[in-house]
Structure formats: structure tokens, C-alpha cells
Amino acid sequence: MKSVIITGQSINKIVGGENAPSPIPWQAKVHVGGVLCGGTIIDETTILSAAHCFYPSTSTSIYDYIEAGITVGGALDGQKISVREVITHPMYNSMKLDNDIAILKLKSSLTFNDTVQPACLPHQYFTPEDTGDLAVVSGWGTTSEGIEIIMLYSDLVYDRNQ
């Protein structure tokens, strides 16, 4: 499967994804202030997400949490942990979305297992254009209007000519 990245003035999305058949171990579903966003597991108590998900307020409530190890929200087999703190980049610009990054600190630790793991990084000399290796892009979304929000993923082919 090959995906296309569409970049526009107000649109950045991946087209051509599929329902994830199993949890993407480093992907978290973030619920803060009634907003749903994706997140990447950094370690047992840290999630990386986008600052625009928490703008203008970074305060948290007892209703703010993340889910991990799932493909459908509210699944009973995943982990659900409350958010203790949201830290946005100090230079975040909501008009331009510059520095659109946030760190979430959890109230308790995730338990790493087959479906919940920190994100892995490639070796510093990794060159996908030379090896033909693929990257995996994942996130939360829907494939049709009116369908529940589920985990989606796609292989992303690196093509220097596009």
C-alpha cells in the first residue's frame, strides 16, 4: 500500500490509510478538555503530542486521560491513565502553528507489553532512499463520515522525486 501526503494551506493529512489490525505500540489516544488527539509514547510517563490540541488552555482536569494499546477508543484491553500536566513549547505560535509540540506527563506509569511500547528511532545512519525501507504513519481518525474514530495506519514510501 502506498500513501499520499497532502499539504495545503490548512490541510495536512495522509490519504490511503487502513484500519490498524492491531494496536500500534507507540501510539496513544489523547483526551484533554474534550479534544481528541494522537500522541506518541516517549517513556512510561511521557507522551508527545501537538500543542494545538491544548490551546488556549493547558490546564488539566480529572476527565483528561490517554489510552494506549488499543485500536478502538474505550476498548477494555487497553491502558487508560490520567494526565497530570501538559507542557507546550514556550515558542508555540497558534496562528502559524510554529513549534506545535506538547509534552504530557501522566499521573501513573504505563506498563510496557506487546501492545504498549515507547517509540523507536532509526539508527542515525538510516537512509530509506538507499534501502527501500518503509516508515509507518499512524493516528486516530475515521475512514467515512459517521463511523467511530479508530486507529489508522499506512506504510509511507520515501520518494525523493515527489
N, C-alpha and C. Protein backbone atom coordinates (compact mmCIF):
# COMPACT_ATOMS: atom_id res chain seq x y z
N MET A 1 0.85 -1.17 0.00
CA MET A 1 0.00 0.00 0.00
C MET A 1 0.90 1.23 0.00
N LYS A 2 0.59 2.19 -0.83
CA LYS A 2 1.34 3.45 -0.88
C LYS A 2 0.40 4.58 -0.49
N SER A 3 0.87 5.48 0.33
CA SER A 3 0.06 6.61 0.76
C SER A 3 0.55 7.88 0.11
N VAL A 4 -0.33 8.85 0.13
CA VAL A 4 -0.02 10.17 -0.42
C VAL A 4 -0.12 11.17 0.72
N ILE A 5 0.84 12.06 0.80
CA ILE A 5 0.76 13.13 1.79
C ILE A 5 0.24 14.38 1.08
N ILE A 6 -0.84 14.93 1.59
CA ILE A 6 -1.41 16.15 1.03
C ILE A 6 -1.09 17.30 1.96
N THR A 7 -0.47 18.33 1.43
CA THR A 7 -0.15 19.50 2.23
C THR A 7 -0.78 20.72 1.56
N GLY A 8 -1.61 21.43 2.30
CA GLY A 8 -2.26 22.62 1.79
C GLY A 8 -2.17 23.73 2.81
N GLN A 9 -2.83 24.84 2.52
CA GLN A 9 -2.77 25.96 3.45
C GLN A 9 -3.33 25.60 4.81
N SER A 10 -4.42 24.84 4.83
CA SER A 10 -5.00 24.50 6.12
C SER A 10 -5.16 22.99 6.29
N ILE A 11 -4.63 22.20 5.35
CA ILE A 11 -4.81 20.76 5.41
C ILE A 11 -3.46 20.06 5.40
N ASN A 12 -3.26 19.18 6.34
CA ASN A 12 -2.13 18.26 6.35
C ASN A 12 -2.70 16.93 6.76
N LYS A 13 -2.80 15.99 5.84
CA LYS A 13 -3.35 14.69 6.18
C LYS A 13 -2.76 13.62 5.30
N ILE A 14 -2.94 12.40 5.74
CA ILE A 14 -2.48 11.26 4.99
C ILE A 14 -3.70 10.59 4.38
N VAL A 15 -3.65 10.32 3.10
CA VAL A 15 -4.74 9.68 2.40
C VAL A 15 -4.29 8.29 2.01
N GLY A 16 -5.14 7.30 2.18
CA GLY A 16 -4.82 5.95 1.77
C GLY A 16 -4.51 5.03 2.92
N GLY A 17 -4.81 5.43 4.14
CA GLY A 17 -4.57 4.58 5.30
C GLY A 17 -5.61 3.48 5.42
N GLU A 18 -5.34 2.56 6.30
CA GLU A 18 -6.22 1.43 6.55
C GLU A 18 -6.44 1.29 8.05
N ASN A 19 -7.52 0.56 8.42
CA ASN A 19 -7.74 0.26 9.82
C ASN A 19 -6.57 -0.56 10.33
N ALA A 20 -6.05 -0.20 11.48
CA ALA A 20 -4.94 -0.95 12.07
C ALA A 20 -5.49 -2.29 12.58
N PRO A 21 -4.90 -3.41 12.16
CA PRO A 21 -5.40 -4.72 12.59
C PRO A 21 -5.08 -5.02 14.05
N SER A 22 -4.09 -4.32 14.60
CA SER A 22 -3.71 -4.49 16.00
C SER A 22 -3.16 -3.15 16.48
N PRO A 23 -3.03 -2.98 17.79
CA PRO A 23 -2.52 -1.70 18.29
C PRO A 23 -1.14 -1.37 17.74
N ILE A 24 -0.92 -0.08 17.45
CA ILE A 24 0.41 0.43 17.12
C ILE A 24 1.04 0.73 18.48
N PRO A 25 2.07 0.00 18.89
CA PRO A 25 2.53 0.06 20.29
C PRO A 25 2.91 1.44 20.82
N TRP A 26 3.37 2.34 19.96
CA TRP A 26 3.82 3.65 20.44
C TRP A 26 2.74 4.72 20.32
N GLN A 27 1.57 4.38 19.80
CA GLN A 27 0.50 5.35 19.55
C GLN A 27 -0.45 5.43 20.74
N ALA A 28 -0.71 6.65 21.20
CA ALA A 28 -1.67 6.88 22.28
C ALA A 28 -2.83 7.71 21.76
N LYS A 29 -3.98 7.52 22.34
CA LYS A 29 -5.16 8.34 22.06
C LYS A 29 -5.29 9.30 23.23
N VAL A 30 -5.27 10.60 22.95
CA VAL A 30 -5.22 11.63 23.99
C VAL A 30 -6.58 12.31 24.10
N HIS A 31 -7.13 12.37 25.32
CA HIS A 31 -8.39 13.04 25.61
C HIS A 31 -8.11 14.15 26.63
N VAL A 32 -8.07 15.39 26.20
CA VAL A 32 -7.83 16.51 27.11
C VAL A 32 -8.81 17.62 26.77
N GLY A 33 -9.58 18.09 27.77
CA GLY A 33 -10.51 19.19 27.55
C GLY A 33 -11.55 18.91 26.48
N GLY A 34 -11.96 17.66 26.34
CA GLY A 34 -12.96 17.31 25.35
C GLY A 34 -12.41 17.19 23.94
N VAL A 35 -11.10 17.36 23.77
CA VAL A 35 -10.45 17.28 22.46
C VAL A 35 -9.80 15.91 22.32
N LEU A 36 -9.88 15.34 21.13
CA LEU A 36 -9.23 14.07 20.85
C LEU A 36 -8.04 14.31 19.93
N CYS A 37 -6.87 13.85 20.33
CA CYS A 37 -5.66 13.97 19.53
C CYS A 37 -4.85 12.69 19.63
N GLY A 38 -3.87 12.58 18.78
CA GLY A 38 -2.94 11.47 18.85
C GLY A 38 -1.75 11.83 19.69
N GLY A 39 -1.03 10.83 20.12
CA GLY A 39 0.19 11.05 20.88
C GLY A 39 1.15 9.91 20.66
N THR A 40 2.42 10.17 20.90
CA THR A 40 3.46 9.17 20.77
C THR A 40 4.06 8.90 22.14
N ILE A 41 4.15 7.63 22.50
CA ILE A 41 4.71 7.25 23.80
C ILE A 41 6.22 7.43 23.77
N ILE A 42 6.73 8.25 24.68
CA ILE A 42 8.17 8.50 24.80
C ILE A 42 8.78 7.61 25.88
N ASP A 43 8.14 7.57 27.03
CA ASP A 43 8.54 6.66 28.11
C ASP A 43 7.30 6.35 28.94
N GLU A 44 7.48 5.70 30.09
CA GLU A 44 6.34 5.23 30.89
C GLU A 44 5.39 6.34 31.33
N THR A 45 5.89 7.57 31.45
CA THR A 45 5.04 8.66 31.96
C THR A 45 5.01 9.88 31.04
N THR A 46 5.49 9.74 29.80
CA THR A 46 5.59 10.90 28.91
C THR A 46 5.00 10.58 27.53
N ILE A 47 4.14 11.48 27.06
CA ILE A 47 3.53 11.37 25.74
C ILE A 47 3.85 12.65 24.97
N LEU A 48 4.24 12.51 23.71
CA LEU A 48 4.48 13.64 22.82
C LEU A 48 3.23 13.86 21.98
N SER A 49 2.76 15.10 21.89
CA SER A 49 1.56 15.41 21.12
C SER A 49 1.72 16.78 20.48
N ALA A 50 0.63 17.33 19.97
CA ALA A 50 0.65 18.64 19.31
C ALA A 50 0.09 19.72 20.24
N ALA A 51 0.76 20.86 20.28
CA ALA A 51 0.32 21.97 21.15
C ALA A 51 -1.06 22.47 20.78
N HIS A 52 -1.42 22.45 19.48
CA HIS A 52 -2.72 23.00 19.08
C HIS A 52 -3.88 22.22 19.69
N CYS A 53 -3.64 21.01 20.14
CA CYS A 53 -4.69 20.22 20.79
C CYS A 53 -5.07 20.78 22.15
N PHE A 54 -4.21 21.59 22.73
CA PHE A 54 -4.42 22.08 24.10
C PHE A 54 -4.54 23.59 24.18
N TYR A 55 -4.57 24.25 23.04
CA TYR A 55 -4.64 25.71 23.01
C TYR A 55 -6.08 26.15 23.14
N PRO A 56 -6.42 27.18 23.91
CA PRO A 56 -5.53 28.10 24.60
C PRO A 56 -5.16 27.66 26.01
N SER A 57 -5.82 26.65 26.55
CA SER A 57 -5.57 26.28 27.94
C SER A 57 -4.75 25.01 28.03
N THR A 58 -3.78 24.99 28.92
CA THR A 58 -3.02 23.76 29.17
C THR A 58 -3.35 23.18 30.54
N SER A 59 -4.39 23.71 31.20
CA SER A 59 -4.78 23.15 32.49
C SER A 59 -5.46 21.80 32.25
N THR A 60 -5.37 20.92 33.23
CA THR A 60 -5.96 19.60 33.10
C THR A 60 -7.06 19.42 34.14
N SER A 61 -7.90 18.43 33.90
CA SER A 61 -8.97 18.11 34.86
C SER A 61 -8.97 16.61 35.11
N ILE A 62 -9.83 16.17 35.99
CA ILE A 62 -9.91 14.74 36.30
C ILE A 62 -10.44 13.95 35.12
N TYR A 63 -10.97 14.61 34.11
CA TYR A 63 -11.52 13.93 32.94
C TYR A 63 -10.50 13.76 31.81
N ASP A 64 -9.29 14.24 31.99
CA ASP A 64 -8.26 14.19 30.95
C ASP A 64 -7.43 12.91 31.11
N TYR A 65 -7.29 12.16 30.01
CA TYR A 65 -6.58 10.88 30.07
C TYR A 65 -6.04 10.49 28.71
N ILE A 66 -5.19 9.46 28.70
CA ILE A 66 -4.72 8.85 27.45
C ILE A 66 -5.13 7.38 27.47
N GLU A 67 -5.25 6.83 26.27
CA GLU A 67 -5.47 5.39 26.12
C GLU A 67 -4.33 4.85 25.27
N ALA A 68 -3.85 3.68 25.60
CA ALA A 68 -2.76 3.05 24.85
C ALA A 68 -3.04 1.56 24.74
N GLY A 69 -2.49 0.94 23.68
CA GLY A 69 -2.67 -0.49 23.48
C GLY A 69 -4.03 -0.85 22.94
N ILE A 70 -4.64 0.05 22.17
CA ILE A 70 -5.99 -0.18 21.64
C ILE A 70 -6.05 0.18 20.16
N THR A 71 -7.11 -0.28 19.49
CA THR A 71 -7.39 0.15 18.11
C THR A 71 -8.73 0.87 18.03
N VAL A 72 -9.54 0.75 19.08
CA VAL A 72 -10.84 1.42 19.16
C VAL A 72 -10.93 2.06 20.54
N GLY A 73 -11.37 3.33 20.59
CA GLY A 73 -11.49 4.03 21.86
C GLY A 73 -12.39 3.30 22.84
N GLY A 74 -12.00 3.30 24.10
CA GLY A 74 -12.80 2.68 25.14
C GLY A 74 -12.66 1.17 25.22
N ALA A 75 -11.74 0.59 24.44
CA ALA A 75 -11.54 -0.86 24.48
C ALA A 75 -11.12 -1.28 25.88
N LEU A 76 -11.61 -2.39 26.34
CA LEU A 76 -11.33 -2.84 27.70
C LEU A 76 -9.94 -3.44 27.87
N ASP A 77 -9.29 -3.80 26.76
CA ASP A 77 -7.99 -4.45 26.87
C ASP A 77 -6.82 -3.48 26.87
N GLY A 78 -7.07 -2.18 26.76
CA GLY A 78 -6.00 -1.19 26.74
C GLY A 78 -5.72 -0.62 28.11
N GLN A 79 -4.81 0.35 28.13
CA GLN A 79 -4.48 1.05 29.37
C GLN A 79 -5.03 2.47 29.30
N LYS A 80 -5.61 2.92 30.38
CA LYS A 80 -6.18 4.26 30.48
C LYS A 80 -5.53 4.94 31.69
N ILE A 81 -4.84 6.07 31.43
CA ILE A 81 -4.11 6.75 32.51
C ILE A 81 -4.40 8.25 32.45
N SER A 82 -4.62 8.84 33.60
CA SER A 82 -4.92 10.27 33.71
C SER A 82 -3.69 11.12 33.39
N VAL A 83 -3.96 12.30 32.82
CA VAL A 83 -2.90 13.26 32.51
C VAL A 83 -2.68 14.16 33.72
N ARG A 84 -1.43 14.28 34.16
CA ARG A 84 -1.08 15.13 35.29
C ARG A 84 -0.79 16.56 34.84
N GLU A 85 -0.10 16.70 33.68
CA GLU A 85 0.37 18.03 33.26
C GLU A 85 0.54 18.06 31.74
N VAL A 86 0.25 19.22 31.15
CA VAL A 86 0.51 19.47 29.73
C VAL A 86 1.51 20.61 29.64
N ILE A 87 2.61 20.37 28.94
CA ILE A 87 3.66 21.38 28.77
C ILE A 87 3.78 21.67 27.28
N THR A 88 3.41 22.87 26.87
CA THR A 88 3.55 23.23 25.45
C THR A 88 4.87 23.95 25.22
N HIS A 89 5.33 23.90 23.98
CA HIS A 89 6.58 24.58 23.63
C HIS A 89 6.44 26.06 23.96
N PRO A 90 7.42 26.68 24.62
CA PRO A 90 7.30 28.09 25.01
C PRO A 90 7.20 29.04 23.82
N MET A 91 7.61 28.61 22.64
CA MET A 91 7.54 29.47 21.46
C MET A 91 6.41 29.05 20.52
N TYR A 92 5.42 28.29 21.03
CA TYR A 92 4.30 27.85 20.19
C TYR A 92 3.55 29.07 19.67
N ASN A 93 3.28 29.10 18.37
CA ASN A 93 2.55 30.18 17.72
C ASN A 93 1.27 29.58 17.14
N SER A 94 0.13 29.89 17.74
CA SER A 94 -1.14 29.29 17.33
C SER A 94 -1.61 29.78 15.96
N MET A 95 -1.14 30.93 15.52
CA MET A 95 -1.54 31.44 14.21
C MET A 95 -0.81 30.72 13.08
N LYS A 96 0.47 30.46 13.27
CA LYS A 96 1.27 29.81 12.24
C LYS A 96 1.49 28.32 12.51
N LEU A 97 1.13 27.87 13.72
CA LEU A 97 1.39 26.51 14.20
C LEU A 97 2.89 26.19 14.25
N ASP A 98 3.70 27.24 14.44
CA ASP A 98 5.13 27.04 14.66
C ASP A 98 5.33 26.40 16.03
N ASN A 99 6.31 25.51 16.13
CA ASN A 99 6.64 24.85 17.39
C ASN A 99 5.43 24.15 18.00
N ASP A 100 4.67 23.50 17.16
CA ASP A 100 3.41 22.85 17.54
C ASP A 100 3.69 21.51 18.21
N ILE A 101 4.18 21.60 19.44
CA ILE A 101 4.58 20.40 20.16
C ILE A 101 4.22 20.55 21.64
N ALA A 102 3.80 19.44 22.23
CA ALA A 102 3.45 19.44 23.65
C ALA A 102 3.90 18.13 24.28
N ILE A 103 4.25 18.20 25.54
CA ILE A 103 4.61 17.02 26.33
C ILE A 103 3.51 16.84 27.37
N LEU A 104 3.01 15.63 27.48
CA LEU A 104 2.03 15.28 28.50
C LEU A 104 2.72 14.40 29.53
N LYS A 105 2.58 14.76 30.79
CA LYS A 105 3.10 13.94 31.88
C LYS A 105 1.92 13.21 32.50
N LEU A 106 2.05 11.92 32.69
CA LEU A 106 0.96 11.09 33.20
C LEU A 106 1.00 10.98 34.72
N LYS A 107 -0.17 10.75 35.32
CA LYS A 107 -0.25 10.62 36.78
C LYS A 107 0.33 9.30 37.28
N SER A 108 0.29 8.28 36.44
CA SER A 108 0.91 7.00 36.78
C SER A 108 1.58 6.43 35.54
N SER A 109 2.32 5.38 35.69
CA SER A 109 3.14 4.83 34.60
C SER A 109 2.37 3.86 33.72
N LEU A 110 2.67 3.91 32.43
CA LEU A 110 2.21 2.88 31.51
C LEU A 110 2.97 1.60 31.83
N THR A 111 2.35 0.46 31.57
CA THR A 111 3.02 -0.82 31.69
C THR A 111 3.37 -1.29 30.28
N PHE A 112 4.66 -1.39 29.99
CA PHE A 112 5.07 -1.81 28.66
C PHE A 112 4.82 -3.31 28.49
N ASN A 113 4.28 -3.66 27.31
CA ASN A 113 3.98 -5.04 26.95
C ASN A 113 3.99 -5.13 25.42
N ASP A 114 3.39 -6.15 24.84
CA ASP A 114 3.40 -6.31 23.38
C ASP A 114 2.65 -5.20 22.66
N THR A 115 1.66 -4.58 23.30
CA THR A 115 0.83 -3.57 22.63
C THR A 115 1.11 -2.14 23.08
N VAL A 116 1.97 -1.96 24.07
CA VAL A 116 2.33 -0.63 24.57
C VAL A 116 3.85 -0.57 24.71
N GLN A 117 4.48 0.29 23.90
CA GLN A 117 5.93 0.42 23.88
C GLN A 117 6.30 1.87 23.55
N PRO A 118 7.49 2.32 23.96
CA PRO A 118 7.93 3.66 23.54
C PRO A 118 8.27 3.64 22.05
N ALA A 119 8.20 4.80 21.43
CA ALA A 119 8.56 4.93 20.01
C ALA A 119 10.03 4.56 19.82
N CYS A 120 10.30 3.89 18.74
CA CYS A 120 11.68 3.54 18.43
C CYS A 120 12.20 4.50 17.36
N LEU A 121 13.45 4.80 17.43
CA LEU A 121 14.08 5.69 16.45
C LEU A 121 15.04 4.89 15.60
N PRO A 122 15.17 5.24 14.33
CA PRO A 122 16.12 4.52 13.48
C PRO A 122 17.56 4.86 13.86
N HIS A 123 18.46 4.02 13.43
CA HIS A 123 19.88 4.27 13.60
C HIS A 123 20.22 5.60 12.92
N GLN A 124 21.18 6.35 13.43
CA GLN A 124 21.50 7.69 12.91
C GLN A 124 21.92 7.68 11.45
N TYR A 125 22.37 6.55 10.93
CA TYR A 125 22.81 6.48 9.53
C TYR A 125 21.77 5.83 8.62
N PHE A 126 20.56 5.65 9.13
CA PHE A 126 19.48 5.05 8.36
C PHE A 126 19.15 5.91 7.14
N THR A 127 19.12 5.33 5.97
CA THR A 127 18.82 6.05 4.73
C THR A 127 17.76 5.28 3.94
N PRO A 128 16.49 5.60 4.15
CA PRO A 128 15.43 4.83 3.48
C PRO A 128 15.49 4.92 1.97
N GLU A 129 16.03 6.01 1.45
CA GLU A 129 16.13 6.14 -0.01
C GLU A 129 17.10 5.13 -0.60
N ASP A 130 18.04 4.66 0.20
CA ASP A 130 19.00 3.67 -0.28
C ASP A 130 18.54 2.24 -0.03
N THR A 131 17.78 2.03 1.03
CA THR A 131 17.39 0.66 1.41
C THR A 131 16.01 0.27 0.91
N GLY A 132 15.17 1.27 0.59
CA GLY A 132 13.80 0.97 0.19
C GLY A 132 12.90 0.63 1.36
N ASP A 133 13.41 0.83 2.60
CA ASP A 133 12.61 0.54 3.78
C ASP A 133 11.43 1.51 3.87
N LEU A 134 10.40 1.08 4.59
CA LEU A 134 9.20 1.89 4.75
C LEU A 134 9.11 2.44 6.16
N ALA A 135 8.41 3.55 6.29
CA ALA A 135 8.06 4.09 7.59
C ALA A 135 6.57 3.80 7.80
N VAL A 136 6.14 3.75 9.03
CA VAL A 136 4.72 3.57 9.34
C VAL A 136 4.20 4.87 9.91
N VAL A 137 3.11 5.34 9.36
CA VAL A 137 2.44 6.54 9.85
C VAL A 137 1.14 6.06 10.50
N SER A 138 0.88 6.52 11.72
CA SER A 138 -0.33 6.07 12.40
C SER A 138 -1.00 7.24 13.10
N GLY A 139 -2.26 7.07 13.40
CA GLY A 139 -3.01 8.10 14.10
C GLY A 139 -4.45 7.68 14.29
N TRP A 140 -5.22 8.56 14.90
CA TRP A 140 -6.63 8.28 15.16
C TRP A 140 -7.48 9.04 14.16
N GLY A 141 -8.46 8.38 13.59
CA GLY A 141 -9.32 9.03 12.62
C GLY A 141 -10.44 8.13 12.19
N THR A 142 -11.05 8.49 11.09
CA THR A 142 -12.17 7.73 10.55
C THR A 142 -12.00 7.62 9.04
N THR A 143 -12.50 6.55 8.49
CA THR A 143 -12.41 6.37 7.04
C THR A 143 -13.67 6.84 6.33
N SER A 144 -14.75 7.09 7.07
CA SER A 144 -16.00 7.57 6.49
C SER A 144 -16.74 8.42 7.51
N GLU A 145 -17.55 9.34 7.02
CA GLU A 145 -18.35 10.17 7.92
C GLU A 145 -19.33 9.30 8.68
N GLY A 146 -19.47 9.57 9.97
CA GLY A 146 -20.42 8.84 10.79
C GLY A 146 -19.87 7.54 11.37
N ILE A 147 -18.64 7.20 11.03
CA ILE A 147 -18.01 5.98 11.55
C ILE A 147 -17.22 6.36 12.80
N GLU A 148 -17.15 5.44 13.79
CA GLU A 148 -16.40 5.76 15.01
C GLU A 148 -14.92 5.99 14.71
N ILE A 149 -14.29 6.75 15.57
CA ILE A 149 -12.87 7.05 15.42
C ILE A 149 -12.06 5.83 15.84
N ILE A 150 -11.18 5.39 14.94
CA ILE A 150 -10.40 4.19 15.18
C ILE A 150 -8.94 4.44 14.84
N MET A 151 -8.08 3.48 15.19
CA MET A 151 -6.66 3.55 14.86
C MET A 151 -6.48 3.28 13.38
N LEU A 152 -5.76 4.17 12.69
CA LEU A 152 -5.45 4.01 11.28
C LEU A 152 -3.94 3.99 11.10
N TYR A 153 -3.48 3.34 10.03
CA TYR A 153 -2.05 3.33 9.75
C TYR A 153 -1.83 3.22 8.25
N SER A 154 -0.61 3.52 7.84
CA SER A 154 -0.23 3.37 6.45
C SER A 154 1.28 3.25 6.38
N ASP A 155 1.76 2.47 5.42
CA ASP A 155 3.18 2.47 5.11
C ASP A 155 3.45 3.71 4.29
N LEU A 156 4.55 4.35 4.52
CA LEU A 156 4.91 5.58 3.81
C LEU A 156 6.19 5.32 3.05
N VAL A 157 6.11 5.47 1.75
CA VAL A 157 7.26 5.22 0.88
C VAL A 157 8.03 6.51 0.70
N TYR A 158 9.33 6.47 0.94
CA TYR A 158 10.17 7.64 0.73
C TYR A 158 10.51 7.72 -0.75
N ASP A 159 10.16 8.84 -1.37
CA ASP A 159 10.48 9.04 -2.79
C ASP A 159 11.03 10.43 -2.95
N ARG A 160 12.32 10.54 -3.21
CA ARG A 160 12.99 11.82 -3.34
C ARG A 160 12.46 12.62 -4.53
N ASN A 161 11.84 11.95 -5.50
CA ASN A 161 11.38 12.62 -6.73
C ASN A 161 9.99 13.20 -6.61
N GLN A 162 9.30 12.99 -5.49
CA GLN A 162 7.94 13.53 -5.36
C GLN A 162 7.94 14.82 -4.61
